[in-house]
Amino acid sequence: MGDAGEGLVDAEARIQERMEELQLEREQGRRRQVVNTEQMRQLESLRLAHKELSRQLEATAHAARKAQLSAAIADLERKMAELAVS
């Protein structure tokens, strides 16, 4: 009879461990979603800025302004590439 009691204790311990593992997975999943949501927001913001600067570049006739816009677009593209990697 002593063996049956030990089996129940072991089963309860395994169930508790599994519940703790599931809780940890849920918490880690939530953290990843928050990070990805923020990363997606930043990427979308950069895309919109890129679109606007490209529109301005096409519309401008001044060489100095074109150089500024080209540099800004290159910087945005670099930032978007960094976000895509992380």
PDB file of N, CA and C in Angstrom:
ATOM      1  N   MET A   1       0.810  -1.189   0.000  1.00  0.00           N
ATOM      2  CA  MET A   1       0.000   0.000   0.000  1.00  0.00           C
ATOM      3  C   MET A   1       0.857   1.256   0.000  1.00  0.00           C
ATOM      4  N   GLY A   2       2.033   1.187   0.547  1.00  0.00           N
ATOM      5  CA  GLY A   2       2.898   2.347   0.577  1.00  0.00           C
ATOM      6  C   GLY A   2       3.306   2.799  -0.811  1.00  0.00           C
ATOM      7  N   ASP A   3       3.420   1.843  -1.741  1.00  0.00           N
ATOM      8  CA  ASP A   3       3.807   2.190  -3.105  1.00  0.00           C
ATOM      9  C   ASP A   3       2.739   3.015  -3.813  1.00  0.00           C
ATOM     10  N   ALA A   4       1.493   2.744  -3.568  1.00  0.00           N
ATOM     11  CA  ALA A   4       0.404   3.485  -4.207  1.00  0.00           C
ATOM     12  C   ALA A   4       0.428   4.945  -3.768  1.00  0.00           C
ATOM     13  N   GLY A   5       0.709   5.190  -2.516  1.00  0.00           N
ATOM     14  CA  GLY A   5       0.777   6.562  -2.015  1.00  0.00           C
ATOM     15  C   GLY A   5       1.933   7.328  -2.628  1.00  0.00           C
ATOM     16  N   GLU A   6       3.053   6.655  -2.813  1.00  0.00           N
ATOM     17  CA  GLU A   6       4.205   7.305  -3.443  1.00  0.00           C
ATOM     18  C   GLU A   6       3.905   7.664  -4.893  1.00  0.00           C
ATOM     19  N   GLY A   7       3.157   6.812  -5.586  1.00  0.00           N
ATOM     20  CA  GLY A   7       2.776   7.078  -6.973  1.00  0.00           C
ATOM     21  C   GLY A   7       1.924   8.333  -7.085  1.00  0.00           C
ATOM     22  N   LEU A   8       1.019   8.521  -6.145  1.00  0.00           N
ATOM     23  CA  LEU A   8       0.176   9.717  -6.163  1.00  0.00           C
ATOM     24  C   LEU A   8       0.999  10.978  -5.922  1.00  0.00           C
ATOM     25  N   VAL A   9       1.959  10.905  -5.012  1.00  0.00           N
ATOM     26  CA  VAL A   9       2.810  12.054  -4.716  1.00  0.00           C
ATOM     27  C   VAL A   9       3.646  12.404  -5.948  1.00  0.00           C
ATOM     28  N   ASP A  10       4.192  11.364  -6.614  1.00  0.00           N
ATOM     29  CA  ASP A  10       4.976  11.601  -7.823  1.00  0.00           C
ATOM     30  C   ASP A  10       4.120  12.205  -8.931  1.00  0.00           C
ATOM     31  N   ALA A  11       2.903  11.707  -9.088  1.00  0.00           N
ATOM     32  CA  ALA A  11       2.011  12.226 -10.119  1.00  0.00           C
ATOM     33  C   ALA A  11       1.659  13.684  -9.838  1.00  0.00           C
ATOM     34  N   GLU A  12       1.396  14.020  -8.602  1.00  0.00           N
ATOM     35  CA  GLU A  12       1.077  15.404  -8.248  1.00  0.00           C
ATOM     36  C   GLU A  12       2.273  16.318  -8.498  1.00  0.00           C
ATOM     37  N   ALA A  13       3.465  15.835  -8.200  1.00  0.00           N
ATOM     38  CA  ALA A  13       4.671  16.630  -8.429  1.00  0.00           C
ATOM     39  C   ALA A  13       4.860  16.873  -9.927  1.00  0.00           C
ATOM     40  N   ARG A  14       4.626  15.844 -10.759  1.00  0.00           N
ATOM     41  CA  ARG A  14       4.755  15.998 -12.215  1.00  0.00           C
ATOM     42  C   ARG A  14       3.713  16.981 -12.747  1.00  0.00           C
ATOM     43  N   ILE A  15       2.501  16.892 -12.239  1.00  0.00           N
ATOM     44  CA  ILE A  15       1.446  17.813 -12.669  1.00  0.00           C
ATOM     45  C   ILE A  15       1.820  19.243 -12.296  1.00  0.00           C
ATOM     46  N   GLN A  16       2.316  19.456 -11.098  1.00  0.00           N
ATOM     47  CA  GLN A  16       2.706  20.793 -10.655  1.00  0.00           C
ATOM     48  C   GLN A  16       3.845  21.331 -11.509  1.00  0.00           C
ATOM     49  N   GLU A  17       4.832  20.486 -11.812  1.00  0.00           N
ATOM     50  CA  GLU A  17       5.946  20.916 -12.657  1.00  0.00           C
ATOM     51  C   GLU A  17       5.448  21.307 -14.040  1.00  0.00           C
ATOM     52  N   ARG A  18       4.537  20.521 -14.591  1.00  0.00           N
ATOM     53  CA  ARG A  18       4.005  20.809 -15.924  1.00  0.00           C
ATOM     54  C   ARG A  18       3.216  22.122 -15.921  1.00  0.00           C
ATOM     55  N   MET A  19       2.462  22.357 -14.871  1.00  0.00           N
ATOM     56  CA  MET A  19       1.701  23.607 -14.778  1.00  0.00           C
ATOM     57  C   MET A  19       2.644  24.808 -14.705  1.00  0.00           C
ATOM     58  N   GLU A  20       3.737  24.662 -13.973  1.00  0.00           N
ATOM     59  CA  GLU A  20       4.724  25.742 -13.889  1.00  0.00           C
ATOM     60  C   GLU A  20       5.385  25.982 -15.236  1.00  0.00           C
ATOM     61  N   GLU A  21       5.691  24.911 -15.974  1.00  0.00           N
ATOM     62  CA  GLU A  21       6.274  25.049 -17.308  1.00  0.00           C
ATOM     63  C   GLU A  21       5.323  25.784 -18.250  1.00  0.00           C
ATOM     64  N   LEU A  22       4.044  25.413 -18.199  1.00  0.00           N
ATOM     65  CA  LEU A  22       3.056  26.072 -19.052  1.00  0.00           C
ATOM     66  C   LEU A  22       2.924  27.556 -18.719  1.00  0.00           C
ATOM     67  N   GLN A  23       2.938  27.877 -17.447  1.00  0.00           N
ATOM     68  CA  GLN A  23       2.852  29.273 -17.021  1.00  0.00           C
ATOM     69  C   GLN A  23       4.052  30.053 -17.535  1.00  0.00           C
ATOM     70  N   LEU A  24       5.229  29.469 -17.429  1.00  0.00           N
ATOM     71  CA  LEU A  24       6.447  30.125 -17.913  1.00  0.00           C
ATOM     72  C   LEU A  24       6.387  30.345 -19.425  1.00  0.00           C
ATOM     73  N   GLU A  25       5.894  29.339 -20.161  1.00  0.00           N
ATOM     74  CA  GLU A  25       5.758  29.485 -21.615  1.00  0.00           C
ATOM     75  C   GLU A  25       4.782  30.607 -21.965  1.00  0.00           C
ATOM     76  N   ARG A  26       3.680  30.700 -21.233  1.00  0.00           N
ATOM     77  CA  ARG A  26       2.710  31.774 -21.485  1.00  0.00           C
ATOM     78  C   ARG A  26       3.342  33.149 -21.259  1.00  0.00           C
ATOM     79  N   GLU A  27       4.082  33.276 -20.165  1.00  0.00           N
ATOM     80  CA  GLU A  27       4.716  34.561 -19.859  1.00  0.00           C
ATOM     81  C   GLU A  27       5.746  34.931 -20.915  1.00  0.00           C
ATOM     82  N   GLN A  28       6.519  33.966 -21.365  1.00  0.00           N
ATOM     83  CA  GLN A  28       7.516  34.241 -22.388  1.00  0.00           C
ATOM     84  C   GLN A  28       6.844  34.593 -23.704  1.00  0.00           C
ATOM     85  N   GLY A  29       5.739  33.938 -24.017  1.00  0.00           N
ATOM     86  CA  GLY A  29       4.990  34.240 -25.234  1.00  0.00           C
ATOM     87  C   GLY A  29       4.460  35.656 -25.224  1.00  0.00           C
ATOM     88  N   ARG A  30       3.972  36.109 -24.090  1.00  0.00           N
ATOM     89  CA  ARG A  30       3.463  37.484 -23.977  1.00  0.00           C
ATOM     90  C   ARG A  30       4.585  38.489 -24.178  1.00  0.00           C
ATOM     91  N   ARG A  31       5.738  38.207 -23.608  1.00  0.00           N
ATOM     92  CA  ARG A  31       6.873  39.128 -23.754  1.00  0.00           C
ATOM     93  C   ARG A  31       7.280  39.243 -25.223  1.00  0.00           C
ATOM     94  N   ARG A  32       7.320  38.126 -25.937  1.00  0.00           N
ATOM     95  CA  ARG A  32       7.698  38.154 -27.347  1.00  0.00           C
ATOM     96  C   ARG A  32       6.699  38.956 -28.165  1.00  0.00           C
ATOM     97  N   GLN A  33       5.410  38.819 -27.880  1.00  0.00           N
ATOM     98  CA  GLN A  33       4.394  39.551 -28.611  1.00  0.00           C
ATOM     99  C   GLN A  33       4.549  41.048 -28.409  1.00  0.00           C
ATOM    100  N   VAL A  34       4.851  41.470 -27.209  1.00  0.00           N
ATOM    101  CA  VAL A  34       5.035  42.891 -26.928  1.00  0.00           C
ATOM    102  C   VAL A  34       6.230  43.418 -27.714  1.00  0.00           C
ATOM    103  N   VAL A  35       7.321  42.680 -27.699  1.00  0.00           N
ATOM    104  CA  VAL A  35       8.517  43.102 -28.433  1.00  0.00           C
ATOM    105  C   VAL A  35       8.210  43.167 -29.915  1.00  0.00           C
ATOM    106  N   ASN A  36       7.563  42.152 -30.454  1.00  0.00           N
ATOM    107  CA  ASN A  36       7.250  42.136 -31.873  1.00  0.00           C
ATOM    108  C   ASN A  36       6.275  43.246 -32.247  1.00  0.00           C
ATOM    109  N   THR A  37       5.333  43.541 -31.387  1.00  0.00           N
ATOM    110  CA  THR A  37       4.383  44.611 -31.655  1.00  0.00           C
ATOM    111  C   THR A  37       5.113  45.951 -31.727  1.00  0.00           C
ATOM    112  N   GLU A  38       6.002  46.191 -30.795  1.00  0.00           N
ATOM    113  CA  GLU A  38       6.773  47.441 -30.803  1.00  0.00           C
ATOM    114  C   GLU A  38       7.674  47.499 -32.030  1.00  0.00           C
ATOM    115  N   GLN A  39       8.295  46.400 -32.366  1.00  0.00           N
ATOM    116  CA  GLN A  39       9.176  46.347 -33.531  1.00  0.00           C
ATOM    117  C   GLN A  39       8.372  46.595 -34.807  1.00  0.00           C
ATOM    118  N   MET A  40       7.188  46.011 -34.911  1.00  0.00           N
ATOM    119  CA  MET A  40       6.342  46.220 -36.083  1.00  0.00           C
ATOM    120  C   MET A  40       5.892  47.678 -36.179  1.00  0.00           C
ATOM    121  N   ARG A  41       5.579  48.289 -35.049  1.00  0.00           N
ATOM    122  CA  ARG A  41       5.176  49.691 -35.048  1.00  0.00           C
ATOM    123  C   ARG A  41       6.310  50.577 -35.547  1.00  0.00           C
ATOM    124  N   GLN A  42       7.515  50.310 -35.060  1.00  0.00           N
ATOM    125  CA  GLN A  42       8.676  51.090 -35.482  1.00  0.00           C
ATOM    126  C   GLN A  42       8.954  50.903 -36.978  1.00  0.00           C
ATOM    127  N   LEU A  43       8.850  49.667 -37.441  1.00  0.00           N
ATOM    128  CA  LEU A  43       9.105  49.384 -38.853  1.00  0.00           C
ATOM    129  C   LEU A  43       8.076  50.082 -39.745  1.00  0.00           C
ATOM    130  N   GLU A  44       6.825  50.043 -39.349  1.00  0.00           N
ATOM    131  CA  GLU A  44       5.786  50.717 -40.123  1.00  0.00           C
ATOM    132  C   GLU A  44       6.005  52.229 -40.134  1.00  0.00           C
ATOM    133  N   SER A  45       6.414  52.794 -39.027  1.00  0.00           N
ATOM    134  CA  SER A  45       6.711  54.220 -38.960  1.00  0.00           C
ATOM    135  C   SER A  45       7.847  54.576 -39.912  1.00  0.00           C
ATOM    136  N   LEU A  46       8.879  53.755 -39.940  1.00  0.00           N
ATOM    137  CA  LEU A  46      10.003  53.997 -40.849  1.00  0.00           C
ATOM    138  C   LEU A  46       9.571  53.875 -42.307  1.00  0.00           C
ATOM    139  N   ARG A  47       8.705  52.924 -42.602  1.00  0.00           N
ATOM    140  CA  ARG A  47       8.218  52.764 -43.985  1.00  0.00           C
ATOM    141  C   ARG A  47       7.432  53.999 -44.437  1.00  0.00           C
ATOM    142  N   LEU A  48       6.590  54.516 -43.538  1.00  0.00           N
ATOM    143  CA  LEU A  48       5.818  55.704 -43.883  1.00  0.00           C
ATOM    144  C   LEU A  48       6.722  56.917 -44.097  1.00  0.00           C
ATOM    145  N   ALA A  49       7.729  57.050 -43.247  1.00  0.00           N
ATOM    146  CA  ALA A  49       8.674  58.152 -43.404  1.00  0.00           C
ATOM    147  C   ALA A  49       9.437  58.010 -44.718  1.00  0.00           C
ATOM    148  N   HIS A  50       9.810  56.788 -45.061  1.00  0.00           N
ATOM    149  CA  HIS A  50      10.528  56.527 -46.312  1.00  0.00           C
ATOM    150  C   HIS A  50       9.667  56.926 -47.505  1.00  0.00           C
ATOM    151  N   LYS A  51       8.400  56.565 -47.452  1.00  0.00           N
ATOM    152  CA  LYS A  51       7.477  56.899 -48.535  1.00  0.00           C
ATOM    153  C   LYS A  51       7.350  58.414 -48.692  1.00  0.00           C
ATOM    154  N   GLU A  52       7.211  59.117 -47.581  1.00  0.00           N
ATOM    155  CA  GLU A  52       7.076  60.578 -47.621  1.00  0.00           C
ATOM    156  C   GLU A  52       8.350  61.243 -48.147  1.00  0.00           C
ATOM    157  N   LEU A  53       9.497  60.795 -47.676  1.00  0.00           N
ATOM    158  CA  LEU A  53      10.755  61.383 -48.144  1.00  0.00           C
ATOM    159  C   LEU A  53      10.992  61.092 -49.625  1.00  0.00           C
ATOM    160  N   SER A  54      10.599  59.921 -50.064  1.00  0.00           N
ATOM    161  CA  SER A  54      10.734  59.589 -51.492  1.00  0.00           C
ATOM    162  C   SER A  54       9.852  60.505 -52.336  1.00  0.00           C
ATOM    163  N   ARG A  55       8.656  60.766 -51.844  1.00  0.00           N
ATOM    164  CA  ARG A  55       7.751  61.681 -52.555  1.00  0.00           C
ATOM    165  C   ARG A  55       8.356  63.081 -52.635  1.00  0.00           C
ATOM    166  N   GLN A  56       8.928  63.539 -51.520  1.00  0.00           N
ATOM    167  CA  GLN A  56       9.560  64.856 -51.495  1.00  0.00           C
ATOM    168  C   GLN A  56      10.764  64.908 -52.435  1.00  0.00           C
ATOM    169  N   LEU A  57      11.525  63.822 -52.493  1.00  0.00           N
ATOM    170  CA  LEU A  57      12.707  63.774 -53.357  1.00  0.00           C
ATOM    171  C   LEU A  57      12.312  63.922 -54.823  1.00  0.00           C
ATOM    172  N   GLU A  58      11.229  63.261 -55.200  1.00  0.00           N
ATOM    173  CA  GLU A  58      10.760  63.366 -56.586  1.00  0.00           C
ATOM    174  C   GLU A  58      10.272  64.772 -56.908  1.00  0.00           C
ATOM    175  N   ALA A  59       9.725  65.473 -55.928  1.00  0.00           N
ATOM    176  CA  ALA A  59       9.116  66.781 -56.169  1.00  0.00           C
ATOM    177  C   ALA A  59      10.107  67.938 -56.111  1.00  0.00           C
ATOM    178  N   THR A  60      11.261  67.751 -55.489  1.00  0.00           N
ATOM    179  CA  THR A  60      12.180  68.874 -55.311  1.00  0.00           C
ATOM    180  C   THR A  60      13.103  69.045 -56.515  1.00  0.00           C
ATOM    181  N   ALA A  61      13.518  70.306 -56.730  1.00  0.00           N
ATOM    182  CA  ALA A  61      14.415  70.620 -57.839  1.00  0.00           C
ATOM    183  C   ALA A  61      15.778  71.085 -57.339  1.00  0.00           C
ATOM    184  N   HIS A  62      15.898  71.388 -56.067  1.00  0.00           N
ATOM    185  CA  HIS A  62      17.150  71.906 -55.518  1.00  0.00           C
ATOM    186  C   HIS A  62      18.125  70.773 -55.205  1.00  0.00           C
ATOM    187  N   ALA A  63      19.367  70.931 -55.648  1.00  0.00           N
ATOM    188  CA  ALA A  63      20.378  69.886 -55.478  1.00  0.00           C
ATOM    189  C   ALA A  63      20.704  69.639 -54.000  1.00  0.00           C
ATOM    190  N   ALA A  64      20.791  70.709 -53.218  1.00  0.00           N
ATOM    191  CA  ALA A  64      21.130  70.550 -51.806  1.00  0.00           C
ATOM    192  C   ALA A  64      20.020  69.790 -51.068  1.00  0.00           C
ATOM    193  N   ARG A  65      18.775  70.117 -51.382  1.00  0.00           N
ATOM    194  CA  ARG A  65      17.647  69.428 -50.733  1.00  0.00           C
ATOM    195  C   ARG A  65      17.595  67.958 -51.165  1.00  0.00           C
ATOM    196  N   LYS A  66      17.909  67.705 -52.442  1.00  0.00           N
ATOM    197  CA  LYS A  66      17.933  66.326 -52.920  1.00  0.00           C
ATOM    198  C   LYS A  66      18.998  65.518 -52.173  1.00  0.00           C
ATOM    199  N   ALA A  67      20.144  66.137 -51.909  1.00  0.00           N
ATOM    200  CA  ALA A  67      21.209  65.451 -51.169  1.00  0.00           C
ATOM    201  C   ALA A  67      20.759  65.146 -49.744  1.00  0.00           C
ATOM    202  N   GLN A  68      20.080  66.111 -49.118  1.00  0.00           N
ATOM    203  CA  GLN A  68      19.566  65.892 -47.759  1.00  0.00           C
ATOM    204  C   GLN A  68      18.560  64.741 -47.733  1.00  0.00           C
ATOM    205  N   LEU A  69      17.638  64.768 -48.661  1.00  0.00           N
ATOM    206  CA  LEU A  69      16.612  63.735 -48.705  1.00  0.00           C
ATOM    207  C   LEU A  69      17.212  62.363 -49.007  1.00  0.00           C
ATOM    208  N   SER A  70      18.177  62.315 -49.890  1.00  0.00           N
ATOM    209  CA  SER A  70      18.836  61.038 -50.217  1.00  0.00           C
ATOM    210  C   SER A  70      19.548  60.466 -48.993  1.00  0.00           C
ATOM    211  N   ALA A  71      20.211  61.341 -48.243  1.00  0.00           N
ATOM    212  CA  ALA A  71      20.898  60.896 -47.021  1.00  0.00           C
ATOM    213  C   ALA A  71      19.883  60.405 -45.983  1.00  0.00           C
ATOM    214  N   ALA A  72      18.777  61.101 -45.864  1.00  0.00           N
ATOM    215  CA  ALA A  72      17.742  60.699 -44.913  1.00  0.00           C
ATOM    216  C   ALA A  72      17.123  59.359 -45.314  1.00  0.00           C
ATOM    217  N   ILE A  73      16.901  59.165 -46.585  1.00  0.00           N
ATOM    218  CA  ILE A  73      16.343  57.899 -47.070  1.00  0.00           C
ATOM    219  C   ILE A  73      17.319  56.758 -46.818  1.00  0.00           C
ATOM    220  N   ALA A  74      18.595  56.986 -47.061  1.00  0.00           N
ATOM    221  CA  ALA A  74      19.608  55.956 -46.797  1.00  0.00           C
ATOM    222  C   ALA A  74      19.639  55.590 -45.315  1.00  0.00           C
ATOM    223  N   ASP A  75      19.506  56.592 -44.464  1.00  0.00           N
ATOM    224  CA  ASP A  75      19.488  56.344 -43.023  1.00  0.00           C
ATOM    225  C   ASP A  75      18.260  55.526 -42.627  1.00  0.00           C
ATOM    226  N   LEU A  76      17.110  55.862 -43.188  1.00  0.00           N
ATOM    227  CA  LEU A  76      15.895  55.093 -42.907  1.00  0.00           C
ATOM    228  C   LEU A  76      16.040  53.646 -43.370  1.00  0.00           C
ATOM    229  N   GLU A  77      16.623  53.445 -44.531  1.00  0.00           N
ATOM    230  CA  GLU A  77      16.814  52.089 -45.041  1.00  0.00           C
ATOM    231  C   GLU A  77      17.752  51.292 -44.135  1.00  0.00           C
ATOM    232  N   ARG A  78      18.774  51.948 -43.605  1.00  0.00           N
ATOM    233  CA  ARG A  78      19.692  51.279 -42.686  1.00  0.00           C
ATOM    234  C   ARG A  78      18.949  50.873 -41.407  1.00  0.00           C
ATOM    235  N   LYS A  79      18.123  51.783 -40.888  1.00  0.00           N
ATOM    236  CA  LYS A  79      17.365  51.492 -39.667  1.00  0.00           C
ATOM    237  C   LYS A  79      16.355  50.359 -39.903  1.00  0.00           C
ATOM    238  N   MET A  80      15.711  50.349 -41.067  1.00  0.00           N
ATOM    239  CA  MET A  80      14.767  49.283 -41.369  1.00  0.00           C
ATOM    240  C   MET A  80      15.481  47.934 -41.461  1.00  0.00           C
ATOM    241  N   ALA A  81      16.659  47.921 -42.042  1.00  0.00           N
ATOM    242  CA  ALA A  81      17.438  46.683 -42.130  1.00  0.00           C
ATOM    243  C   ALA A  81      17.826  46.186 -40.738  1.00  0.00           C
ATOM    244  N   GLU A  82      18.206  47.098 -39.850  1.00  0.00           N
ATOM    245  CA  GLU A  82      18.562  46.716 -38.471  1.00  0.00           C
ATOM    246  C   GLU A  82      17.358  46.110 -37.750  1.00  0.00           C
ATOM    247  N   LEU A  83      16.178  46.713 -37.929  1.00  0.00           N
ATOM    248  CA  LEU A  83      14.976  46.181 -37.286  1.00  0.00           C
ATOM    249  C   LEU A  83      14.584  44.824 -37.844  1.00  0.00           C
ATOM    250  N   ALA A  84      14.782  44.650 -39.130  1.00  0.00           N
ATOM    251  CA  ALA A  84      14.428  43.370 -39.755  1.00  0.00           C
ATOM    252  C   ALA A  84      15.309  42.245 -39.244  1.00  0.00           C
ATOM    253  N   VAL A  85      16.558  42.556 -38.907  1.00  0.00           N
ATOM    254  CA  VAL A  85      17.498  41.540 -38.407  1.00  0.00           C
ATOM    255  C   VAL A  85      17.162  41.166 -36.972  1.00  0.00           C
ATOM    256  N   SER A  86      16.779  42.146 -36.135  1.00  0.00           N
ATOM    257  CA  SER A  86      16.522  41.842 -34.716  1.00  0.00           C
ATOM    258  C   SER A  86      15.206  41.200 -34.473  1.00  0.00           C
TER     259      SER A  86
END
